[in-house]
Amino acid sequence: MGQQHHQLGGHADHQQRPIRGIVLQQNGHRPLYRQRALAAETSHWLQLQGIPLDWLDVQPCADGWRYRLTAEAWHTFTPGWDTLDLVAHQNGELPLGTEILLALLSSPVDRTFPNLEELHAHLESRLYTCRAAEETTLAFATQSADRPASHWRYSEATGFILQPGAALIEALRLATQPSVSGSLYDFSCYRATEYVLLLGLAQTLQKFNPDLLYRLEDQWRREAIASGRFHDTFLDEIGSMDDPLPGLHYVPGDRVWFRNPDERSADVVGFEGSWVVYMGRGRFTDFWRPQSSYSLRDKCLEIHFWREAVVEKPGEESTIDETRVWERMRALQDGLDADAGWAHEQEAAILRRMMRYRDARGVYAEGGCIDTTREHLRWMCPGFERIDLPSEQPLSADNERGLMTGASRLPI
């Protein structure tokens, strides 16, 4: 699959983009010797994280200092901006933290931080997010949701909030990790990614910003932040339809959207696309099957076969029979294992289409399932945090009326 990666999912002009990497901002009023000392400190920290100095190109820039892979290291580890095979380029031996930093250092867009502490917190938050994603298994549901009653309570006005005295980190782990709770709870894929990212953030804040963790926990005692508000409060989104990220460039800890490009099956609730977290080593989350994950290839094939599994019954909402999806995938794999020509042709045709960039919202034309953007947690350290929680005032009268009438229903 590595060779296929370089031919799919990106624009030809991506090859000409400069490597931008990490930018650490510095106060321009500092003496030059002090700026250089801070740059050397950062280089040493990167070395301690597994990045040899001969892989690094360190240069001053308008905002501070830029740290990026050398051209030689970029061609060795992330040719064509492909970060999915980073570990394979190191013979399978690469700690997750080093993989994260290599992906950031190879970035085609600036990954900017105000100081080394914020970069360290960012690395930790991605590590915690990936660990949370690895341990998450849920029951897929779009019209219902439940949480462990010992730690959560629900109203239409507030969404799921903490029970009095419940700790946020423990509550999130109980809701998402059967190894902790012994149970599976109902989630949509979008809400699942929110809980995984929130857990990664909360665990990081224990070390880097305990005060923000306290305020975050207090927020969830009063009202959940979900959907668009979650994105606007906690996440930065990089890339755009006009300036897409290379289609094979992912950093472990990213939240990623795969769009369903088939209009008929995309009209089935819950199958408009798939929200996942990239966990590194070429793996994307599969929240619904224990000890399972998707490769980019498998995710594309699954979404493609949704169109062949639509179930329509008079007077009922359409559904997707996922058993059919897996039957189609197994049949294709059996054909590939037998080296059948039809199977190779079918796989190539599906991937050529699915690994294109997606169409714009509301458009179903020639696009594939690859999104143009990625999302990640914002700055979180004291003095630089960019996480602005809603007002900490008590529920408004409008919200209280919503609690009684259901008029302000939030997604669950």
Protein backbone atom coordinates (compact mmCIF):
# COMPACT_ATOMS: atom_id res chain seq x y z
CA MET A 1 0.00 0.00 0.00
CA GLY A 2 2.95 2.33 0.59
CA GLN A 3 3.63 2.74 -3.13
CA GLN A 4 -0.07 3.39 -3.82
CA HIS A 5 -0.05 6.12 -1.18
CA HIS A 6 2.22 8.33 -3.22
CA GLN A 7 -0.08 8.29 -6.24
CA LEU A 8 -3.36 9.00 -4.49
CA GLY A 9 -5.15 11.62 -2.43
CA GLY A 10 -3.10 14.70 -3.30
CA HIS A 11 -2.39 17.46 -5.78
CA ALA A 12 0.69 17.39 -7.98
CA ASP A 13 1.76 20.82 -6.73
CA HIS A 14 2.04 19.45 -3.19
CA GLN A 15 5.47 18.16 -4.21
CA GLN A 16 6.63 21.75 -4.67
CA ARG A 17 5.39 23.00 -1.28
CA PRO A 18 8.13 23.92 1.18
CA ILE A 19 8.56 22.03 4.43
CA ARG A 20 7.23 24.34 7.15
CA GLY A 21 7.52 22.24 10.30
CA ILE A 22 7.31 23.67 13.83
CA VAL A 23 7.61 27.38 14.64
CA LEU A 24 8.38 28.42 18.21
CA GLN A 25 7.61 32.06 18.74
CA GLN A 26 10.17 34.27 20.46
CA ASN A 27 10.10 37.79 21.79
CA GLY A 28 12.13 39.84 19.31
CA HIS A 29 13.33 42.10 22.12
CA ARG A 30 15.43 39.32 23.63
CA PRO A 31 19.17 39.58 22.96
CA LEU A 32 20.28 37.42 20.05
CA TYR A 33 22.45 35.25 22.29
CA ARG A 34 19.38 34.47 24.42
CA GLN A 35 17.28 33.62 21.36
CA ARG A 36 20.00 31.23 20.18
CA ALA A 37 20.21 29.64 23.63
CA LEU A 38 16.45 28.98 23.61
CA ALA A 39 16.74 27.52 20.10
CA ALA A 40 19.52 25.22 21.29
CA GLU A 41 17.39 24.19 24.29
CA THR A 42 14.54 23.23 21.97
CA SER A 43 16.87 21.28 19.69
CA HIS A 44 18.19 19.39 22.71
CA TRP A 45 14.63 18.63 23.87
CA LEU A 46 13.78 17.28 20.40
CA GLN A 47 16.88 15.13 20.54
CA LEU A 48 15.74 13.70 23.88
CA GLN A 49 12.41 12.81 22.20
CA GLY A 50 14.22 10.72 19.59
CA ILE A 51 14.94 13.28 16.83
CA PRO A 52 18.66 13.20 15.92
CA LEU A 53 20.17 16.62 15.28
CA ASP A 54 21.24 15.63 11.76
CA TRP A 55 17.55 15.23 10.84
CA LEU A 56 16.82 18.82 11.89
CA ASP A 57 16.99 22.06 9.95
CA VAL A 58 16.82 24.92 12.50
CA GLN A 59 16.58 28.49 11.24
CA PRO A 60 15.38 31.87 12.53
CA CYS A 61 12.15 33.13 10.95
CA ALA A 62 9.90 36.18 11.24
CA ASP A 63 8.00 34.78 14.25
CA GLY A 64 10.86 33.09 16.07
CA TRP A 65 12.66 29.88 15.15
CA ARG A 66 11.64 27.21 12.68
CA TYR A 67 12.35 23.50 13.26
CA ARG A 68 11.76 21.16 10.34
CA LEU A 69 13.13 18.03 8.77
CA THR A 70 16.05 18.41 6.44
CA ALA A 71 15.23 17.75 2.80
CA GLU A 72 17.09 14.43 3.06
CA ALA A 73 15.16 13.36 6.17
CA TRP A 74 11.86 14.43 4.59
CA HIS A 75 12.53 12.29 1.50
CA THR A 76 13.52 9.39 3.74
CA PHE A 77 10.61 9.46 6.20
CA THR A 78 7.72 11.38 4.60
CA PRO A 79 8.18 11.32 0.82
CA GLY A 80 5.22 12.94 -0.93
CA TRP A 81 4.06 14.20 2.50
CA ASP A 82 3.02 10.62 3.36
CA THR A 83 3.22 10.15 7.15
CA LEU A 84 1.30 6.86 7.19
CA ASP A 85 4.46 4.80 6.61
CA LEU A 86 6.73 6.65 9.05
CA VAL A 87 7.20 3.63 11.28
CA ALA A 88 7.85 1.33 8.33
CA HIS A 89 10.73 3.60 7.30
CA GLN A 90 12.24 2.91 10.74
CA ASN A 91 11.85 -0.89 10.43
CA GLY A 92 8.83 -0.84 12.73
CA GLU A 93 10.75 0.62 15.66
CA LEU A 94 9.60 4.15 16.42
CA PRO A 95 8.05 5.39 19.69
CA LEU A 96 4.72 7.13 19.24
CA GLY A 97 6.07 10.42 20.59
CA THR A 98 8.86 10.41 18.02
CA GLU A 99 6.37 9.59 15.26
CA ILE A 100 4.23 12.57 16.30
CA LEU A 101 7.18 14.94 16.25
CA LEU A 102 8.43 13.66 12.89
CA ALA A 103 4.98 14.28 11.42
CA LEU A 104 4.91 17.81 12.85
CA LEU A 105 8.47 18.54 11.68
CA SER A 106 7.52 17.40 8.16
CA SER A 107 4.39 19.57 8.05
CA PRO A 108 3.55 21.57 4.89
CA VAL A 109 1.95 24.27 7.11
CA ASP A 110 3.35 26.11 10.12
CA ARG A 111 2.73 24.30 13.42
CA THR A 112 3.13 27.32 15.69
CA PHE A 113 3.60 27.36 19.47
CA PRO A 114 4.36 30.23 21.85
CA ASN A 115 7.12 28.36 23.66
CA LEU A 116 8.65 24.96 24.35
CA GLU A 117 6.25 24.21 27.20
CA GLU A 118 3.26 24.52 24.86
CA LEU A 119 4.93 22.23 22.32
CA HIS A 120 5.56 19.73 25.12
CA ALA A 121 1.90 19.93 26.21
CA HIS A 122 0.78 19.51 22.59
CA LEU A 123 2.89 16.36 22.28
CA GLU A 124 1.48 15.00 25.56
CA SER A 125 -2.11 15.75 24.51
CA ARG A 126 -1.64 13.82 21.27
CA LEU A 127 -0.10 10.89 23.17
CA TYR A 128 -2.99 10.81 25.64
CA THR A 129 -5.52 11.15 22.81
CA CYS A 130 -4.02 8.19 20.96
CA ARG A 131 -3.94 6.07 24.11
CA ALA A 132 -7.58 6.93 24.84
CA ALA A 133 -8.50 6.07 21.25
CA GLU A 134 -6.72 2.71 21.50
CA GLU A 135 -8.73 1.79 24.59
CA THR A 136 -12.13 2.98 23.35
CA THR A 137 -14.83 0.52 22.27
CA LEU A 138 -18.46 1.61 21.96
CA ALA A 139 -21.87 0.59 20.63
CA PHE A 140 -22.80 2.52 17.49
CA ALA A 141 -26.06 4.46 17.78
CA THR A 142 -27.38 7.65 16.20
CA GLN A 143 -30.80 7.99 17.83
CA SER A 144 -29.92 7.00 21.40
CA ALA A 145 -27.12 7.34 23.91
CA ASP A 146 -26.33 6.17 27.41
CA ARG A 147 -23.58 6.63 29.98
CA PRO A 148 -22.71 4.96 33.30
CA ALA A 149 -25.32 6.31 35.72
CA SER A 150 -22.83 6.37 38.60
CA HIS A 151 -21.01 9.29 36.93
CA TRP A 152 -23.40 10.83 34.39
CA ARG A 153 -26.91 12.30 34.23
CA TYR A 154 -28.81 13.64 31.25
CA SER A 155 -31.30 16.36 30.40
CA GLU A 156 -32.24 17.78 27.02
CA ALA A 157 -31.10 21.22 28.15
CA THR A 158 -27.62 20.24 29.32
CA GLY A 159 -26.73 17.01 27.55
CA PHE A 160 -24.80 14.45 29.60
CA ILE A 161 -23.23 16.13 32.61
CA LEU A 162 -21.33 14.85 35.63
CA GLN A 163 -23.04 13.51 38.69
CA PRO A 164 -22.22 15.51 41.86
CA GLY A 165 -18.77 14.53 43.06
CA ALA A 166 -17.84 12.61 39.89
CA ALA A 167 -14.38 13.29 38.42
CA LEU A 168 -14.26 14.10 34.70
CA ILE A 169 -11.35 11.83 33.77
CA GLU A 170 -12.81 8.83 35.56
CA ALA A 171 -16.26 9.51 34.07
CA LEU A 172 -14.87 9.70 30.53
CA ARG A 173 -12.91 6.48 30.95
CA LEU A 174 -15.96 4.68 32.34
CA ALA A 175 -18.07 5.86 29.41
CA THR A 176 -15.63 4.85 26.68
CA GLN A 177 -13.39 2.04 27.95
CA PRO A 178 -14.98 -1.37 28.60
CA SER A 179 -11.77 -2.47 30.30
CA VAL A 180 -12.64 0.05 33.03
CA SER A 181 -16.45 -0.14 33.14
CA GLY A 182 -17.14 -3.67 31.92
CA SER A 183 -19.90 -2.29 29.66
CA LEU A 184 -20.50 -0.85 26.19
CA TYR A 185 -22.31 2.48 25.87
CA ASP A 186 -24.15 3.99 22.88
CA PHE A 187 -22.35 6.71 20.91
CA SER A 188 -22.30 8.26 17.47
CA CYS A 189 -18.85 8.41 15.85
CA TYR A 190 -18.79 12.22 16.17
CA ARG A 191 -19.54 12.17 19.91
CA ALA A 192 -17.03 9.35 20.36
CA THR A 193 -14.23 11.51 18.96
CA GLU A 194 -15.26 14.35 21.28
CA TYR A 195 -14.97 12.14 24.36
CA VAL A 196 -11.59 10.78 23.25
CA LEU A 197 -10.21 14.28 22.62
CA LEU A 198 -11.71 15.60 25.86
CA LEU A 199 -10.08 12.76 27.81
CA GLY A 200 -6.73 13.45 26.14
CA LEU A 201 -7.05 17.13 27.02
CA ALA A 202 -8.08 16.52 30.64
CA GLN A 203 -5.23 14.09 31.27
CA THR A 204 -2.72 16.56 29.82
CA LEU A 205 -4.09 19.42 31.93
CA GLN A 206 -3.32 17.49 35.13
CA LYS A 207 0.35 18.34 34.55
CA PHE A 208 0.29 21.48 32.41
CA ASN A 209 -2.72 23.51 33.60
CA PRO A 210 -4.58 22.13 36.65
CA ASP A 211 -6.64 25.32 36.95
CA LEU A 212 -8.06 24.84 33.45
CA LEU A 213 -8.84 21.21 34.31
CA TYR A 214 -10.79 22.43 37.35
CA ARG A 215 -12.77 24.86 35.17
CA LEU A 216 -13.30 22.17 32.52
CA GLU A 217 -14.69 19.79 35.11
CA ASP A 218 -16.91 22.55 36.49
CA GLN A 219 -18.22 23.20 32.98
CA TRP A 220 -19.28 19.55 32.64
CA ARG A 221 -21.10 19.76 35.95
CA ARG A 222 -23.36 22.41 34.42
CA GLU A 223 -23.57 21.82 30.68
CA ALA A 224 -21.88 19.64 28.07
CA ILE A 225 -20.11 21.30 25.16
CA ALA A 226 -20.93 19.34 22.01
CA SER A 227 -20.96 19.41 18.21
CA GLY A 228 -20.10 22.79 16.67
CA ARG A 229 -19.51 24.34 20.08
CA PHE A 230 -16.99 21.61 20.90
CA HIS A 231 -15.08 22.33 17.70
CA ASP A 232 -15.15 26.08 18.28
CA THR A 233 -14.04 25.78 21.92
CA PHE A 234 -11.34 23.12 21.86
CA LEU A 235 -10.04 22.53 18.34
CA ASP A 236 -7.96 24.18 15.65
CA GLU A 237 -8.62 23.14 12.06
CA ILE A 238 -5.86 23.34 9.48
CA GLY A 239 -6.23 23.14 5.72
CA SER A 240 -9.20 24.23 3.62
CA MET A 241 -11.03 23.40 0.40
CA ASP A 242 -8.96 26.08 -1.37
CA ASP A 243 -5.67 25.04 0.23
CA PRO A 244 -6.01 21.35 1.16
CA LEU A 245 -3.54 19.44 3.26
CA PRO A 246 -1.79 16.67 1.34
CA GLY A 247 -4.14 13.72 1.35
CA LEU A 248 -1.68 11.36 3.04
CA HIS A 249 -0.39 13.72 5.73
CA TYR A 250 -1.71 12.82 9.20
CA VAL A 251 -0.34 13.42 12.69
CA PRO A 252 -1.22 10.93 15.45
CA GLY A 253 -3.91 12.56 17.57
CA ASP A 254 -5.62 14.30 14.62
CA ARG A 255 -9.40 14.14 14.33
CA VAL A 256 -10.24 13.21 10.75
CA TRP A 257 -13.40 13.18 8.63
CA PHE A 258 -13.98 10.69 5.81
CA ARG A 259 -16.92 11.74 3.66
CA ASN A 260 -19.34 9.31 2.04
CA PRO A 261 -19.37 10.44 -1.62
CA ASP A 262 -22.44 8.39 -2.53
CA GLU A 263 -25.55 10.54 -2.18
CA ARG A 264 -28.06 7.72 -1.67
CA SER A 265 -26.24 5.94 1.15
CA ALA A 266 -25.08 9.26 2.63
CA ASP A 267 -28.74 10.06 3.21
CA VAL A 268 -28.91 7.26 5.81
CA VAL A 269 -28.60 8.75 9.30
CA GLY A 270 -25.14 8.07 10.71
CA PHE A 271 -23.58 7.21 7.34
CA GLU A 272 -22.95 10.69 5.96
CA GLY A 273 -19.31 9.91 6.59
CA SER A 274 -17.06 8.74 9.39
CA TRP A 275 -15.29 10.70 12.15
CA VAL A 276 -12.15 9.00 13.43
CA VAL A 277 -8.91 9.71 15.28
CA TYR A 278 -5.57 8.92 13.66
CA MET A 279 -3.57 6.78 16.11
CA GLY A 280 -0.28 6.50 14.23
CA ARG A 281 1.34 3.55 12.44
CA GLY A 282 -1.12 3.99 9.57
CA ARG A 283 -4.11 3.20 11.83
CA PHE A 284 -7.43 5.01 12.24
CA THR A 285 -9.90 4.26 15.03
CA ASP A 286 -12.55 1.59 14.81
CA PHE A 287 -14.64 2.37 17.88
CA TRP A 288 -17.09 -0.47 17.29
CA ARG A 289 -14.93 -3.60 17.32
CA PRO A 290 -12.56 -4.45 20.21
CA GLN A 291 -8.84 -4.40 19.42
CA SER A 292 -9.53 -3.24 15.85
CA SER A 293 -8.44 -0.36 13.65
CA TYR A 294 -8.63 0.71 10.01
CA SER A 295 -5.91 1.35 7.49
CA LEU A 296 -6.61 4.14 5.04
CA ARG A 297 -7.29 1.50 2.39
CA ASP A 298 -9.77 -0.37 4.57
CA LYS A 299 -11.60 2.81 5.54
CA CYS A 300 -12.01 3.77 1.90
CA LEU A 301 -13.28 0.31 0.98
CA GLU A 302 -15.76 0.22 3.87
CA ILE A 303 -17.28 3.59 2.98
CA HIS A 304 -17.46 2.61 -0.70
CA PHE A 305 -19.39 -0.57 0.09
CA TRP A 306 -22.00 1.32 2.14
CA ARG A 307 -23.70 2.07 -1.19
CA GLU A 308 -24.24 -1.66 -1.75
CA ALA A 309 -25.80 -2.22 1.66
CA VAL A 310 -28.70 0.27 1.80
CA VAL A 311 -31.89 -1.32 3.16
CA GLU A 312 -35.14 0.44 2.27
CA LYS A 313 -38.50 -0.55 3.75
CA PRO A 314 -41.83 1.21 3.06
CA GLY A 315 -42.71 3.64 5.83
CA GLU A 316 -39.35 3.26 7.60
CA GLU A 317 -36.06 5.14 7.54
CA SER A 318 -33.39 3.58 5.36
CA THR A 319 -30.56 1.74 7.10
CA ILE A 320 -27.20 0.26 6.21
CA ASP A 321 -26.77 -3.50 6.66
CA GLU A 322 -23.18 -3.60 7.84
CA THR A 323 -23.12 -7.37 7.51
CA ARG A 324 -23.35 -6.87 3.74
CA VAL A 325 -20.50 -4.36 3.90
CA TRP A 326 -18.20 -6.86 5.57
CA GLU A 327 -19.27 -9.61 3.20
CA ARG A 328 -18.25 -7.41 0.24
CA MET A 329 -14.91 -6.60 1.88
CA ARG A 330 -14.21 -10.27 2.68
CA ALA A 331 -15.09 -11.31 -0.87
CA LEU A 332 -12.71 -8.72 -2.28
CA GLN A 333 -9.94 -9.77 0.08
CA ASP A 334 -10.47 -13.44 -0.78
CA GLY A 335 -10.09 -12.50 -4.45
CA LEU A 336 -6.89 -10.55 -3.73
CA ASP A 337 -5.48 -13.45 -1.71
CA ALA A 338 -6.20 -15.72 -4.70
CA ASP A 339 -4.51 -13.17 -6.99
CA ALA A 340 -7.67 -12.89 -9.05
CA GLY A 341 -7.49 -10.26 -11.76
CA TRP A 342 -11.04 -9.01 -11.11
CA ALA A 343 -10.21 -8.33 -7.47
CA HIS A 344 -7.11 -6.28 -8.27
CA GLU A 345 -9.06 -4.29 -10.85
CA GLN A 346 -11.97 -3.68 -8.48
CA GLU A 347 -9.72 -2.58 -5.63
CA ALA A 348 -7.75 -0.22 -7.87
CA ALA A 349 -10.93 1.33 -9.29
CA ILE A 350 -12.44 1.87 -5.83
CA LEU A 351 -9.30 3.43 -4.40
CA ARG A 352 -8.78 5.70 -7.42
CA ARG A 353 -12.18 7.20 -6.70
CA MET A 354 -12.30 7.12 -2.93
CA MET A 355 -8.84 8.60 -2.37
CA ARG A 356 -9.68 11.79 -4.19
CA TYR A 357 -10.45 14.89 -2.17
CA ARG A 358 -14.11 15.16 -1.18
CA ASP A 359 -16.59 17.42 -2.96
CA ALA A 360 -17.89 20.57 -1.30
CA ARG A 361 -20.78 20.35 1.16
CA GLY A 362 -24.01 19.37 -0.58
CA VAL A 363 -22.21 18.34 -3.79
CA TYR A 364 -22.05 14.72 -4.98
CA ALA A 365 -20.04 14.71 -8.18
CA GLU A 366 -16.56 13.26 -8.82
CA GLY A 367 -15.04 13.65 -5.35
CA GLY A 368 -13.83 10.92 -3.04
CA CYS A 369 -13.80 10.56 0.73
CA ILE A 370 -10.53 12.33 1.68
CA ASP A 371 -11.02 15.57 3.62
CA THR A 372 -8.94 18.68 3.02
CA THR A 373 -8.51 19.51 6.73
CA ARG A 374 -7.42 18.02 10.07
CA GLU A 375 -8.38 19.04 13.61
CA HIS A 376 -6.33 19.03 16.82
CA LEU A 377 -6.45 20.41 20.36
CA ARG A 378 -5.64 24.09 20.92
CA TRP A 379 -2.96 25.69 23.09
CA MET A 380 -3.65 24.93 26.74
CA CYS A 381 -0.82 26.20 28.98
CA PRO A 382 -1.30 29.09 31.46
CA GLY A 383 -0.85 32.49 29.87
CA PHE A 384 -1.29 31.14 26.35
CA GLU A 385 -4.41 28.95 26.54
CA ARG A 386 -6.81 29.41 23.65
CA ILE A 387 -9.61 27.36 25.19
CA ASP A 388 -12.37 29.78 26.19
CA LEU A 389 -15.07 27.95 28.11
CA PRO A 390 -18.61 29.34 28.07
CA SER A 391 -19.74 31.62 30.88
CA GLU A 392 -19.58 30.01 34.30
CA GLN A 393 -22.83 31.64 35.34
CA PRO A 394 -25.80 29.45 36.40
CA LEU A 395 -28.19 28.21 33.72
CA SER A 396 -30.21 31.04 32.20
CA ALA A 397 -33.99 31.18 32.49
CA ASP A 398 -34.21 30.13 28.84
CA ASN A 399 -32.13 27.05 29.53
CA GLU A 400 -34.24 26.23 32.57
CA ARG A 401 -37.38 26.41 30.43
CA GLY A 402 -35.66 24.18 27.89
CA LEU A 403 -35.00 21.70 30.67
CA MET A 404 -38.76 21.46 31.23
CA THR A 405 -40.02 21.74 27.67
CA GLY A 406 -37.25 20.15 25.58
CA ALA A 407 -37.11 23.31 23.48
CA SER A 408 -33.33 23.58 23.61
CA ARG A 409 -32.43 19.96 22.92
CA LEU A 410 -28.70 19.35 22.52
CA PRO A 411 -27.12 16.51 20.55
CA ILE A 412 -26.36 13.61 22.84
